[in-house]
């Protein structure tokens, strides 16, 4: 995985202090605690604003979690390619869903510790369906899902309970969405409420 600002000792402490100050003066509070697991998929929901990413990074520093996050490949074009990777970003082509899922599973197989943040909506645009990739990444990698959230109504960002996918997508997604039912994104009118048709990942041969 690429080297990030979470790996830079002096800057890591500096950004943690700055993040806590920004959250404090902006009126944001935290809820929950750092998960006691070495590998997990963190849901970033609901995703309705460009502010979600910087806020999520602030809270990552607050909770002392080194995270990587999946972002659309257009974000990583010059001159910002190196910068967004340094922020922990991993570019993905959303048109190749099975490749994204399989590649993410391989990351979990190859690294002893990994916290991967995935927005289930896949986009901040006005959509009505959650993508299934986050679920199949966690299920395929045999890691729990951390129910992360940004509740703009209460101005609370946090980490909810661990959820271990069973393989029964329909049943599991209902339980997950129950947790998010009272949480509001910055723009409620584009908050995502339905799931995309399930697409199982196809593992490719090495």
N, C-alpha and C. Protein backbone atom coordinates (compact mmCIF):
# COMPACT_ATOMS: atom_id res chain seq x y z
N UNK A 1 0.85 -1.19 0.00
CA UNK A 1 0.00 0.00 0.00
C UNK A 1 0.88 1.24 0.00
N UNK A 2 0.35 2.33 -0.53
CA UNK A 2 1.14 3.54 -0.63
C UNK A 2 1.36 4.21 0.73
N UNK A 3 2.47 4.93 0.83
CA UNK A 3 2.84 5.67 2.03
C UNK A 3 1.89 6.87 2.18
N UNK A 4 1.36 7.08 3.38
CA UNK A 4 0.38 8.15 3.58
C UNK A 4 0.79 9.07 4.72
N UNK A 5 0.01 10.13 4.90
CA UNK A 5 0.33 11.05 5.99
C UNK A 5 0.06 10.44 7.36
N UNK A 6 -0.63 9.30 7.42
CA UNK A 6 -0.77 8.57 8.67
C UNK A 6 0.55 7.92 9.07
N UNK A 7 1.45 7.73 8.10
CA UNK A 7 2.73 7.06 8.35
C UNK A 7 3.85 8.03 8.69
N UNK A 8 3.61 9.32 8.60
CA UNK A 8 4.64 10.33 8.83
C UNK A 8 4.60 10.75 10.29
N UNK A 9 5.57 10.31 11.13
CA UNK A 9 5.49 10.50 12.59
C UNK A 9 5.19 11.93 13.04
N UNK A 10 5.99 12.90 12.62
CA UNK A 10 5.79 14.27 13.08
C UNK A 10 4.47 14.83 12.55
N UNK A 11 4.21 14.64 11.23
CA UNK A 11 2.98 15.15 10.64
C UNK A 11 1.76 14.46 11.21
N UNK A 12 1.89 13.17 11.53
CA UNK A 12 0.76 12.43 12.09
C UNK A 12 0.29 13.07 13.40
N UNK A 13 1.22 13.40 14.28
CA UNK A 13 0.86 14.04 15.54
C UNK A 13 0.32 15.45 15.31
N UNK A 14 0.90 16.15 14.35
CA UNK A 14 0.45 17.50 14.02
C UNK A 14 -0.98 17.48 13.50
N UNK A 15 -1.25 16.59 12.54
CA UNK A 15 -2.59 16.51 11.96
C UNK A 15 -3.63 16.04 12.99
N UNK A 16 -3.21 15.20 13.92
CA UNK A 16 -4.14 14.76 14.96
C UNK A 16 -4.57 15.95 15.81
N UNK A 17 -3.60 16.78 16.18
CA UNK A 17 -3.93 17.96 16.98
C UNK A 17 -4.79 18.94 16.20
N UNK A 18 -4.43 19.18 14.94
CA UNK A 18 -5.21 20.09 14.10
C UNK A 18 -6.62 19.56 13.89
N UNK A 19 -6.75 18.25 13.67
CA UNK A 19 -8.07 17.65 13.45
C UNK A 19 -8.96 17.84 14.67
N UNK A 20 -8.41 17.60 15.85
CA UNK A 20 -9.20 17.76 17.07
C UNK A 20 -9.63 19.21 17.27
N UNK A 21 -8.74 20.14 16.94
CA UNK A 21 -9.08 21.56 17.06
C UNK A 21 -10.18 21.96 16.09
N UNK A 22 -10.06 21.50 14.84
CA UNK A 22 -11.07 21.82 13.83
C UNK A 22 -12.43 21.27 14.23
N UNK A 23 -12.45 20.02 14.69
CA UNK A 23 -13.72 19.41 15.09
C UNK A 23 -14.32 20.16 16.28
N UNK A 24 -13.47 20.55 17.21
CA UNK A 24 -13.96 21.26 18.40
C UNK A 24 -14.57 22.60 18.03
N UNK A 25 -13.86 23.39 17.26
CA UNK A 25 -14.35 24.73 16.92
C UNK A 25 -15.51 24.69 15.93
N UNK A 26 -15.61 23.59 15.17
CA UNK A 26 -16.73 23.45 14.25
C UNK A 26 -17.97 22.88 14.95
N UNK A 27 -17.80 22.51 16.22
CA UNK A 27 -18.95 22.02 16.99
C UNK A 27 -19.25 20.55 16.83
N UNK A 28 -18.28 19.79 16.28
CA UNK A 28 -18.49 18.37 16.09
C UNK A 28 -18.04 17.59 17.33
N UNK A 29 -18.77 16.53 17.63
CA UNK A 29 -18.40 15.62 18.73
C UNK A 29 -18.23 14.21 18.18
N UNK A 30 -17.60 13.37 18.97
CA UNK A 30 -17.37 11.99 18.54
C UNK A 30 -18.19 11.02 19.36
N UNK A 31 -18.39 9.85 18.80
CA UNK A 31 -19.16 8.80 19.46
C UNK A 31 -18.56 7.46 19.08
N UNK A 32 -18.43 6.57 20.04
CA UNK A 32 -17.86 5.26 19.75
C UNK A 32 -16.38 5.23 20.06
N UNK A 33 -15.73 4.15 19.63
CA UNK A 33 -14.30 4.00 19.89
C UNK A 33 -13.64 3.21 18.77
N UNK A 34 -12.33 3.27 18.74
CA UNK A 34 -11.55 2.57 17.74
C UNK A 34 -11.82 1.07 17.83
N UNK A 35 -12.15 0.42 16.72
CA UNK A 35 -12.43 -1.03 16.77
C UNK A 35 -11.19 -1.83 17.13
N UNK A 36 -11.38 -2.85 17.93
CA UNK A 36 -10.25 -3.66 18.38
C UNK A 36 -10.01 -4.83 17.42
N UNK A 37 -9.87 -4.51 16.16
CA UNK A 37 -9.55 -5.51 15.13
C UNK A 37 -8.46 -4.94 14.24
N UNK A 38 -7.68 -5.81 13.62
CA UNK A 38 -6.58 -5.36 12.77
C UNK A 38 -7.03 -5.12 11.34
N UNK A 39 -8.15 -5.74 10.95
CA UNK A 39 -8.64 -5.59 9.59
C UNK A 39 -10.14 -5.33 9.61
N UNK A 40 -10.59 -4.40 8.79
CA UNK A 40 -12.02 -4.12 8.73
C UNK A 40 -12.33 -3.27 7.52
N UNK A 41 -13.59 -3.31 7.11
CA UNK A 41 -14.14 -2.39 6.12
C UNK A 41 -14.97 -1.37 6.90
N UNK A 42 -14.68 -0.09 6.71
CA UNK A 42 -15.43 0.95 7.39
C UNK A 42 -16.42 1.57 6.41
N UNK A 43 -17.69 1.48 6.73
CA UNK A 43 -18.70 2.16 5.92
C UNK A 43 -18.60 3.66 6.20
N UNK A 44 -18.65 4.45 5.15
CA UNK A 44 -18.71 5.90 5.30
C UNK A 44 -20.08 6.34 4.80
N UNK A 45 -21.01 6.51 5.72
CA UNK A 45 -22.39 6.80 5.31
C UNK A 45 -23.06 7.76 6.29
N UNK A 46 -24.06 8.50 5.81
CA UNK A 46 -24.40 8.66 4.39
C UNK A 46 -23.41 9.61 3.71
N UNK A 47 -23.21 9.44 2.41
CA UNK A 47 -22.24 10.25 1.65
C UNK A 47 -23.01 11.19 0.73
N UNK A 48 -23.11 12.47 1.14
CA UNK A 48 -23.91 13.42 0.37
C UNK A 48 -23.18 14.71 0.05
N UNK A 49 -21.93 14.85 0.52
CA UNK A 49 -21.25 16.13 0.39
C UNK A 49 -19.75 15.95 0.20
N UNK A 50 -19.12 16.94 -0.45
CA UNK A 50 -17.66 16.94 -0.59
C UNK A 50 -16.96 17.08 0.77
N UNK A 51 -17.68 17.57 1.77
CA UNK A 51 -17.11 17.73 3.09
C UNK A 51 -16.97 16.40 3.83
N UNK A 52 -17.61 15.37 3.34
CA UNK A 52 -17.57 14.08 4.03
C UNK A 52 -16.16 13.52 4.14
N UNK A 53 -15.37 13.64 3.07
CA UNK A 53 -14.03 13.08 3.09
C UNK A 53 -13.13 13.78 4.10
N UNK A 54 -13.00 15.13 4.05
CA UNK A 54 -12.14 15.75 5.07
C UNK A 54 -12.61 15.50 6.49
N UNK A 55 -13.94 15.50 6.71
CA UNK A 55 -14.45 15.21 8.05
C UNK A 55 -14.09 13.78 8.48
N UNK A 56 -14.21 12.84 7.55
CA UNK A 56 -13.86 11.45 7.86
C UNK A 56 -12.38 11.33 8.22
N UNK A 57 -11.53 12.07 7.51
CA UNK A 57 -10.09 12.05 7.81
C UNK A 57 -9.81 12.69 9.17
N UNK A 58 -10.52 13.77 9.49
CA UNK A 58 -10.36 14.39 10.81
C UNK A 58 -10.71 13.39 11.91
N UNK A 59 -11.81 12.68 11.72
CA UNK A 59 -12.23 11.71 12.73
C UNK A 59 -11.29 10.49 12.76
N UNK A 60 -10.70 10.15 11.63
CA UNK A 60 -9.72 9.05 11.62
C UNK A 60 -8.54 9.41 12.51
N UNK A 61 -8.06 10.65 12.40
CA UNK A 61 -6.98 11.10 13.28
C UNK A 61 -7.44 11.15 14.73
N UNK A 62 -8.66 11.61 14.94
CA UNK A 62 -9.21 11.69 16.29
C UNK A 62 -9.23 10.31 16.96
N UNK A 63 -9.67 9.30 16.20
CA UNK A 63 -9.76 7.95 16.75
C UNK A 63 -8.44 7.17 16.63
N UNK A 64 -7.43 7.82 16.05
CA UNK A 64 -6.10 7.20 15.87
C UNK A 64 -6.19 5.94 15.02
N UNK A 65 -6.89 6.07 13.90
CA UNK A 65 -7.02 4.96 12.96
C UNK A 65 -6.35 5.33 11.65
N UNK A 66 -5.47 4.49 11.20
CA UNK A 66 -4.87 4.67 9.87
C UNK A 66 -5.82 4.05 8.86
N UNK A 67 -6.37 4.88 7.99
CA UNK A 67 -7.34 4.37 7.02
C UNK A 67 -6.87 4.58 5.59
N UNK A 68 -7.32 3.69 4.74
CA UNK A 68 -7.26 3.88 3.30
C UNK A 68 -8.69 4.02 2.82
N UNK A 69 -8.89 4.71 1.73
CA UNK A 69 -10.24 4.92 1.24
C UNK A 69 -10.30 4.77 -0.28
N UNK A 70 -11.41 4.25 -0.76
CA UNK A 70 -11.62 4.07 -2.19
C UNK A 70 -12.25 5.33 -2.76
N UNK A 71 -11.68 5.82 -3.86
CA UNK A 71 -12.21 7.02 -4.51
C UNK A 71 -12.23 6.87 -6.02
N UNK A 72 -13.14 7.56 -6.67
CA UNK A 72 -13.23 7.46 -8.13
C UNK A 72 -11.92 7.93 -8.76
N UNK A 73 -11.52 7.25 -9.83
CA UNK A 73 -10.22 7.49 -10.43
C UNK A 73 -10.04 8.91 -10.95
N UNK A 74 -11.13 9.62 -11.26
CA UNK A 74 -11.01 10.98 -11.77
C UNK A 74 -10.41 11.93 -10.74
N UNK A 75 -10.51 11.58 -9.45
CA UNK A 75 -9.91 12.40 -8.41
C UNK A 75 -8.39 12.39 -8.46
N UNK A 76 -7.84 11.33 -9.05
CA UNK A 76 -6.41 11.09 -8.96
C UNK A 76 -5.64 11.52 -10.22
N UNK A 77 -6.27 12.34 -11.02
CA UNK A 77 -5.59 12.84 -12.21
C UNK A 77 -4.62 13.95 -11.83
N UNK A 78 -3.60 14.17 -12.69
CA UNK A 78 -2.61 15.21 -12.45
C UNK A 78 -3.32 16.56 -12.31
N UNK A 79 -2.86 17.43 -11.41
CA UNK A 79 -1.64 17.31 -10.59
C UNK A 79 -1.87 16.73 -9.20
N UNK A 80 -3.06 16.13 -8.94
CA UNK A 80 -3.41 15.70 -7.59
C UNK A 80 -3.19 14.21 -7.34
N UNK A 81 -2.64 13.50 -8.32
CA UNK A 81 -2.47 12.04 -8.20
C UNK A 81 -1.74 11.66 -6.92
N UNK A 82 -0.55 12.23 -6.73
CA UNK A 82 0.25 11.88 -5.56
C UNK A 82 -0.35 12.38 -4.27
N UNK A 83 -0.99 13.55 -4.32
CA UNK A 83 -1.56 14.14 -3.10
C UNK A 83 -2.67 13.27 -2.52
N UNK A 84 -3.62 12.84 -3.36
CA UNK A 84 -4.73 12.05 -2.84
C UNK A 84 -4.27 10.66 -2.40
N UNK A 85 -3.25 10.13 -3.03
CA UNK A 85 -2.70 8.85 -2.57
C UNK A 85 -2.04 9.02 -1.20
N UNK A 86 -1.38 10.17 -1.02
CA UNK A 86 -0.75 10.47 0.27
C UNK A 86 -1.80 10.60 1.37
N UNK A 87 -3.02 11.01 0.98
CA UNK A 87 -4.11 11.10 1.94
C UNK A 87 -4.75 9.74 2.22
N UNK A 88 -4.21 8.68 1.60
CA UNK A 88 -4.75 7.34 1.84
C UNK A 88 -5.69 6.85 0.76
N UNK A 89 -5.81 7.62 -0.32
CA UNK A 89 -6.74 7.26 -1.39
C UNK A 89 -6.26 6.14 -2.29
N UNK A 90 -7.18 5.32 -2.72
CA UNK A 90 -6.92 4.24 -3.67
C UNK A 90 -7.86 4.46 -4.85
N UNK A 91 -7.34 4.79 -6.04
CA UNK A 91 -8.22 5.06 -7.18
C UNK A 91 -8.90 3.80 -7.69
N UNK A 92 -10.18 3.92 -8.03
CA UNK A 92 -10.92 2.78 -8.56
C UNK A 92 -11.69 3.21 -9.81
N UNK A 93 -11.90 2.25 -10.68
CA UNK A 93 -12.75 2.43 -11.85
C UNK A 93 -14.09 1.81 -11.53
N UNK A 94 -15.10 2.66 -11.30
CA UNK A 94 -16.40 2.16 -10.86
C UNK A 94 -17.13 1.36 -11.93
N UNK A 95 -16.63 1.41 -13.17
CA UNK A 95 -17.25 0.63 -14.23
C UNK A 95 -16.83 -0.84 -14.16
N UNK A 96 -15.77 -1.13 -13.39
CA UNK A 96 -15.26 -2.50 -13.29
C UNK A 96 -15.45 -2.99 -11.85
N UNK A 97 -16.70 -3.25 -11.49
CA UNK A 97 -17.06 -3.53 -10.11
C UNK A 97 -16.38 -4.78 -9.55
N UNK A 98 -16.38 -5.87 -10.32
CA UNK A 98 -15.81 -7.11 -9.80
C UNK A 98 -14.32 -6.97 -9.57
N UNK A 99 -13.63 -6.20 -10.42
CA UNK A 99 -12.19 -5.99 -10.24
C UNK A 99 -11.91 -5.22 -8.96
N UNK A 100 -12.75 -4.22 -8.67
CA UNK A 100 -12.57 -3.44 -7.45
C UNK A 100 -12.73 -4.33 -6.23
N UNK A 101 -13.76 -5.16 -6.22
CA UNK A 101 -14.01 -6.05 -5.10
C UNK A 101 -12.85 -7.03 -4.94
N UNK A 102 -12.44 -7.66 -6.03
CA UNK A 102 -11.37 -8.66 -5.96
C UNK A 102 -10.04 -8.04 -5.54
N UNK A 103 -9.74 -6.86 -6.07
CA UNK A 103 -8.50 -6.20 -5.71
C UNK A 103 -8.49 -5.83 -4.22
N UNK A 104 -9.61 -5.37 -3.73
CA UNK A 104 -9.71 -5.01 -2.31
C UNK A 104 -9.55 -6.23 -1.42
N UNK A 105 -10.14 -7.35 -1.82
CA UNK A 105 -9.99 -8.59 -1.06
C UNK A 105 -8.52 -9.00 -1.01
N UNK A 106 -7.83 -8.83 -2.12
CA UNK A 106 -6.40 -9.17 -2.17
C UNK A 106 -5.58 -8.29 -1.25
N UNK A 107 -5.96 -7.02 -1.13
CA UNK A 107 -5.27 -6.13 -0.18
C UNK A 107 -5.35 -6.72 1.22
N UNK A 108 -6.55 -7.17 1.60
CA UNK A 108 -6.72 -7.74 2.94
C UNK A 108 -5.92 -9.03 3.11
N UNK A 109 -5.76 -9.78 2.05
CA UNK A 109 -5.01 -11.03 2.13
C UNK A 109 -3.51 -10.79 2.28
N UNK A 110 -3.04 -9.69 1.71
CA UNK A 110 -1.59 -9.45 1.66
C UNK A 110 -1.06 -8.59 2.80
N UNK A 111 -1.93 -7.87 3.50
CA UNK A 111 -1.46 -6.96 4.54
C UNK A 111 -2.00 -7.38 5.90
N UNK A 112 -1.13 -7.42 6.93
CA UNK A 112 -1.55 -7.88 8.26
C UNK A 112 -2.52 -6.94 8.95
N UNK A 113 -2.50 -5.65 8.59
CA UNK A 113 -3.42 -4.68 9.16
C UNK A 113 -3.96 -3.79 8.05
N UNK A 114 -5.26 -3.59 8.04
CA UNK A 114 -5.85 -2.74 7.01
C UNK A 114 -7.25 -2.30 7.43
N UNK A 115 -7.47 -0.99 7.44
CA UNK A 115 -8.80 -0.43 7.65
C UNK A 115 -9.16 0.30 6.36
N UNK A 116 -10.14 -0.23 5.63
CA UNK A 116 -10.50 0.31 4.32
C UNK A 116 -11.87 0.98 4.41
N UNK A 117 -11.90 2.29 4.12
CA UNK A 117 -13.16 3.03 4.18
C UNK A 117 -13.82 3.02 2.80
N UNK A 118 -15.08 2.61 2.78
CA UNK A 118 -15.83 2.50 1.53
C UNK A 118 -17.20 3.15 1.69
N UNK A 119 -17.51 4.20 0.89
CA UNK A 119 -18.86 4.76 0.95
C UNK A 119 -19.83 3.85 0.22
N UNK A 120 -20.84 3.30 0.89
CA UNK A 120 -21.76 2.36 0.23
C UNK A 120 -22.55 2.97 -0.91
N UNK A 121 -22.70 4.30 -0.92
CA UNK A 121 -23.42 4.92 -2.02
C UNK A 121 -22.56 4.99 -3.26
N UNK A 122 -21.22 4.96 -3.08
CA UNK A 122 -20.30 5.01 -4.20
C UNK A 122 -20.13 6.40 -4.77
N UNK A 123 -21.02 7.34 -4.43
CA UNK A 123 -20.99 8.69 -4.98
C UNK A 123 -21.76 9.61 -4.06
N UNK A 124 -21.45 10.93 -4.14
CA UNK A 124 -22.21 11.90 -3.36
C UNK A 124 -23.38 12.44 -4.15
N UNK A 125 -23.53 12.02 -5.42
CA UNK A 125 -24.61 12.53 -6.27
C UNK A 125 -25.96 11.99 -5.80
N UNK A 126 -27.02 12.51 -6.43
CA UNK A 126 -28.36 12.08 -6.05
C UNK A 126 -28.63 10.68 -6.60
N UNK A 127 -28.53 9.69 -5.74
CA UNK A 127 -28.79 8.31 -6.13
C UNK A 127 -29.75 7.69 -5.14
N UNK A 128 -30.35 6.57 -5.52
CA UNK A 128 -31.31 5.93 -4.63
C UNK A 128 -30.87 4.54 -4.19
N UNK A 129 -29.68 4.13 -4.59
CA UNK A 129 -29.25 2.77 -4.29
C UNK A 129 -27.86 2.73 -3.67
N UNK A 130 -27.69 1.86 -2.71
CA UNK A 130 -26.37 1.59 -2.16
C UNK A 130 -25.66 0.59 -3.07
N UNK A 131 -24.37 0.77 -3.23
CA UNK A 131 -23.56 -0.22 -3.93
C UNK A 131 -23.33 -1.41 -3.01
N UNK A 132 -23.16 -2.57 -3.59
CA UNK A 132 -22.97 -3.78 -2.78
C UNK A 132 -21.50 -4.10 -2.53
N UNK A 133 -20.59 -3.35 -3.17
CA UNK A 133 -19.18 -3.68 -3.09
C UNK A 133 -18.63 -3.77 -1.68
N UNK A 134 -18.99 -2.81 -0.81
CA UNK A 134 -18.46 -2.82 0.55
C UNK A 134 -18.78 -4.12 1.27
N UNK A 135 -19.99 -4.63 1.00
CA UNK A 135 -20.43 -5.86 1.68
C UNK A 135 -19.62 -7.06 1.19
N UNK A 136 -19.46 -7.17 -0.13
CA UNK A 136 -18.76 -8.33 -0.67
C UNK A 136 -17.25 -8.26 -0.47
N UNK A 137 -16.73 -7.06 -0.31
CA UNK A 137 -15.32 -6.94 0.07
C UNK A 137 -15.13 -7.54 1.46
N UNK A 138 -15.97 -7.12 2.40
CA UNK A 138 -15.87 -7.61 3.78
C UNK A 138 -16.13 -9.11 3.86
N UNK A 139 -17.17 -9.56 3.17
CA UNK A 139 -17.50 -10.99 3.21
C UNK A 139 -16.40 -11.83 2.56
N UNK A 140 -15.89 -11.38 1.42
CA UNK A 140 -14.85 -12.12 0.73
C UNK A 140 -13.54 -12.14 1.49
N UNK A 141 -13.23 -11.05 2.18
CA UNK A 141 -11.99 -10.97 2.95
C UNK A 141 -12.14 -11.54 4.36
N UNK A 142 -13.38 -11.88 4.72
CA UNK A 142 -13.68 -12.42 6.06
C UNK A 142 -13.29 -11.44 7.16
N UNK A 143 -13.68 -10.18 6.96
CA UNK A 143 -13.40 -9.15 7.96
C UNK A 143 -14.71 -8.46 8.33
N UNK A 144 -14.79 -7.86 9.51
CA UNK A 144 -16.02 -7.19 9.93
C UNK A 144 -16.20 -5.85 9.25
N UNK A 145 -17.44 -5.37 9.28
CA UNK A 145 -17.78 -4.05 8.78
C UNK A 145 -17.96 -3.13 9.99
N UNK A 146 -17.26 -2.00 9.98
CA UNK A 146 -17.43 -1.00 11.03
C UNK A 146 -18.46 0.02 10.54
N UNK A 147 -19.49 0.24 11.31
CA UNK A 147 -20.56 1.15 10.90
C UNK A 147 -20.18 2.59 11.25
N UNK A 148 -19.37 3.20 10.37
CA UNK A 148 -18.96 4.58 10.57
C UNK A 148 -20.02 5.54 10.05
N UNK A 149 -20.09 6.72 10.66
CA UNK A 149 -21.15 7.65 10.26
C UNK A 149 -20.76 9.10 10.52
N UNK A 150 -21.40 9.99 9.77
CA UNK A 150 -21.35 11.44 9.98
C UNK A 150 -22.78 11.93 10.05
N UNK A 151 -23.22 12.27 11.24
CA UNK A 151 -24.59 12.73 11.45
C UNK A 151 -24.56 14.26 11.51
N UNK A 152 -24.91 14.89 10.40
CA UNK A 152 -24.86 16.35 10.34
C UNK A 152 -25.94 17.00 11.19
N UNK A 153 -27.03 16.32 11.42
CA UNK A 153 -28.11 16.90 12.23
C UNK A 153 -27.64 17.10 13.67
N UNK A 154 -26.98 16.09 14.23
CA UNK A 154 -26.50 16.18 15.61
C UNK A 154 -25.04 16.65 15.68
N UNK A 155 -24.39 16.76 14.51
CA UNK A 155 -22.97 17.10 14.42
C UNK A 155 -22.13 16.13 15.24
N UNK A 156 -22.36 14.85 14.97
CA UNK A 156 -21.62 13.79 15.63
C UNK A 156 -21.05 12.85 14.57
N UNK A 157 -19.77 12.60 14.66
CA UNK A 157 -19.13 11.61 13.80
C UNK A 157 -18.64 10.48 14.65
N UNK A 158 -18.79 9.27 14.16
CA UNK A 158 -18.38 8.18 15.03
C UNK A 158 -18.26 6.84 14.37
N UNK A 159 -18.00 5.88 15.21
CA UNK A 159 -17.84 4.49 14.80
C UNK A 159 -18.83 3.66 15.59
N UNK A 160 -19.73 3.03 14.87
CA UNK A 160 -20.73 2.18 15.50
C UNK A 160 -20.18 0.79 15.75
N UNK A 161 -21.05 -0.15 15.98
CA UNK A 161 -20.62 -1.52 16.29
C UNK A 161 -20.03 -2.25 15.08
N UNK A 162 -19.32 -3.31 15.37
CA UNK A 162 -18.82 -4.19 14.31
C UNK A 162 -19.96 -5.05 13.80
N UNK A 163 -20.00 -5.25 12.49
CA UNK A 163 -21.01 -6.12 11.90
C UNK A 163 -20.30 -7.17 11.06
N UNK A 164 -20.54 -8.44 11.37
CA UNK A 164 -19.90 -9.53 10.64
C UNK A 164 -20.86 -10.07 9.59
N UNK A 165 -20.56 -9.87 8.30
CA UNK A 165 -21.47 -10.34 7.25
C UNK A 165 -21.61 -11.85 7.26
N UNK A 166 -22.83 -12.32 7.08
CA UNK A 166 -23.11 -13.76 7.12
C UNK A 166 -23.12 -14.39 5.73
N UNK A 167 -23.21 -13.55 4.69
CA UNK A 167 -23.37 -14.06 3.33
C UNK A 167 -24.80 -13.93 2.85
N UNK A 168 -25.72 -13.70 3.78
CA UNK A 168 -27.12 -13.46 3.44
C UNK A 168 -27.28 -11.95 3.28
N UNK A 169 -27.07 -11.45 2.07
CA UNK A 169 -27.03 -10.00 1.84
C UNK A 169 -28.33 -9.30 2.23
N UNK A 170 -29.44 -9.84 1.79
CA UNK A 170 -30.73 -9.19 2.03
C UNK A 170 -30.99 -9.02 3.52
N UNK A 171 -30.71 -10.07 4.29
CA UNK A 171 -30.92 -10.01 5.74
C UNK A 171 -29.95 -9.04 6.39
N UNK A 172 -28.69 -9.13 6.01
CA UNK A 172 -27.66 -8.29 6.64
C UNK A 172 -27.85 -6.82 6.34
N UNK A 173 -28.21 -6.50 5.09
CA UNK A 173 -28.33 -5.08 4.72
C UNK A 173 -29.48 -4.42 5.46
N UNK A 174 -30.52 -5.17 5.78
CA UNK A 174 -31.62 -4.61 6.55
C UNK A 174 -31.16 -4.24 7.95
N UNK A 175 -30.33 -5.10 8.55
CA UNK A 175 -29.82 -4.81 9.89
C UNK A 175 -28.89 -3.60 9.86
N UNK A 176 -28.06 -3.52 8.84
CA UNK A 176 -27.13 -2.40 8.72
C UNK A 176 -27.89 -1.10 8.57
N UNK A 177 -28.91 -1.10 7.71
CA UNK A 177 -29.65 0.13 7.45
C UNK A 177 -30.52 0.56 8.63
N UNK A 178 -30.85 -0.39 9.50
CA UNK A 178 -31.56 -0.03 10.72
C UNK A 178 -30.70 0.90 11.57
N UNK A 179 -29.41 0.61 11.59
CA UNK A 179 -28.49 1.46 12.35
C UNK A 179 -28.46 2.88 11.79
N UNK A 180 -28.53 3.01 10.47
CA UNK A 180 -28.41 4.31 9.82
C UNK A 180 -29.74 5.05 9.67
N UNK A 181 -30.82 4.45 10.11
CA UNK A 181 -32.14 5.01 9.85
C UNK A 181 -32.35 6.40 10.45
N UNK A 182 -31.68 6.71 11.56
CA UNK A 182 -31.87 8.01 12.21
C UNK A 182 -30.71 8.98 11.95
N UNK A 183 -29.76 8.58 11.09
CA UNK A 183 -28.58 9.40 10.83
C UNK A 183 -28.78 10.19 9.55
N UNK A 184 -28.49 11.49 9.59
CA UNK A 184 -28.73 12.35 8.44
C UNK A 184 -27.44 12.90 7.87
N UNK A 185 -27.31 12.83 6.54
CA UNK A 185 -26.19 13.43 5.86
C UNK A 185 -26.37 14.94 5.76
N UNK A 186 -25.39 15.61 5.18
CA UNK A 186 -25.47 17.07 5.06
C UNK A 186 -26.66 17.48 4.19
N UNK A 187 -26.88 16.73 3.11
CA UNK A 187 -28.01 17.02 2.22
C UNK A 187 -28.97 15.85 2.27
N UNK A 188 -29.97 15.97 3.09
CA UNK A 188 -30.89 14.86 3.33
C UNK A 188 -31.63 14.44 2.08
N UNK A 189 -31.88 15.39 1.15
CA UNK A 189 -32.69 15.08 -0.03
C UNK A 189 -31.98 14.14 -1.00
N UNK A 190 -30.65 13.95 -0.82
CA UNK A 190 -29.97 12.99 -1.70
C UNK A 190 -29.41 11.82 -0.90
N UNK A 191 -29.94 11.64 0.32
CA UNK A 191 -29.47 10.52 1.12
C UNK A 191 -29.94 9.22 0.49
N UNK A 192 -29.08 8.22 0.54
CA UNK A 192 -29.32 6.97 -0.17
C UNK A 192 -30.04 5.98 0.73
N UNK A 193 -31.09 5.35 0.19
CA UNK A 193 -31.91 4.51 1.04
C UNK A 193 -32.12 3.09 0.52
N UNK A 194 -31.88 2.85 -0.73
CA UNK A 194 -32.11 1.52 -1.29
C UNK A 194 -30.81 0.90 -1.73
N UNK A 195 -30.79 -0.42 -1.89
CA UNK A 195 -29.57 -1.08 -2.30
C UNK A 195 -29.62 -1.46 -3.78
N UNK A 196 -28.44 -1.54 -4.36
CA UNK A 196 -28.29 -1.95 -5.74
C UNK A 196 -28.51 -3.45 -5.84
N UNK A 197 -28.89 -3.94 -7.00
CA UNK A 197 -29.02 -5.38 -7.18
C UNK A 197 -27.69 -6.04 -6.87
N UNK A 198 -27.75 -7.10 -6.09
CA UNK A 198 -26.53 -7.76 -5.64
C UNK A 198 -25.76 -8.34 -6.81
N UNK A 199 -24.44 -8.08 -6.81
CA UNK A 199 -23.56 -8.64 -7.82
C UNK A 199 -22.41 -9.31 -7.13
N UNK A 200 -22.36 -10.61 -7.17
CA UNK A 200 -21.30 -11.33 -6.50
C UNK A 200 -19.98 -11.12 -7.22
N UNK A 201 -18.88 -10.91 -6.47
CA UNK A 201 -17.59 -10.73 -7.10
C UNK A 201 -17.10 -12.02 -7.75
N UNK A 202 -16.33 -11.89 -8.81
CA UNK A 202 -15.76 -13.04 -9.48
C UNK A 202 -14.27 -13.04 -9.25
N UNK A 203 -13.77 -14.01 -8.50
CA UNK A 203 -12.36 -14.09 -8.23
C UNK A 203 -11.61 -14.53 -9.49
N UNK A 204 -10.59 -13.79 -9.83
CA UNK A 204 -9.77 -14.15 -10.98
C UNK A 204 -8.63 -15.05 -10.56
N UNK A 205 -8.17 -15.84 -11.47
CA UNK A 205 -7.03 -16.71 -11.19
C UNK A 205 -5.74 -15.91 -11.21
N UNK A 206 -4.81 -16.24 -10.30
CA UNK A 206 -3.51 -15.59 -10.26
C UNK A 206 -2.70 -15.94 -11.50
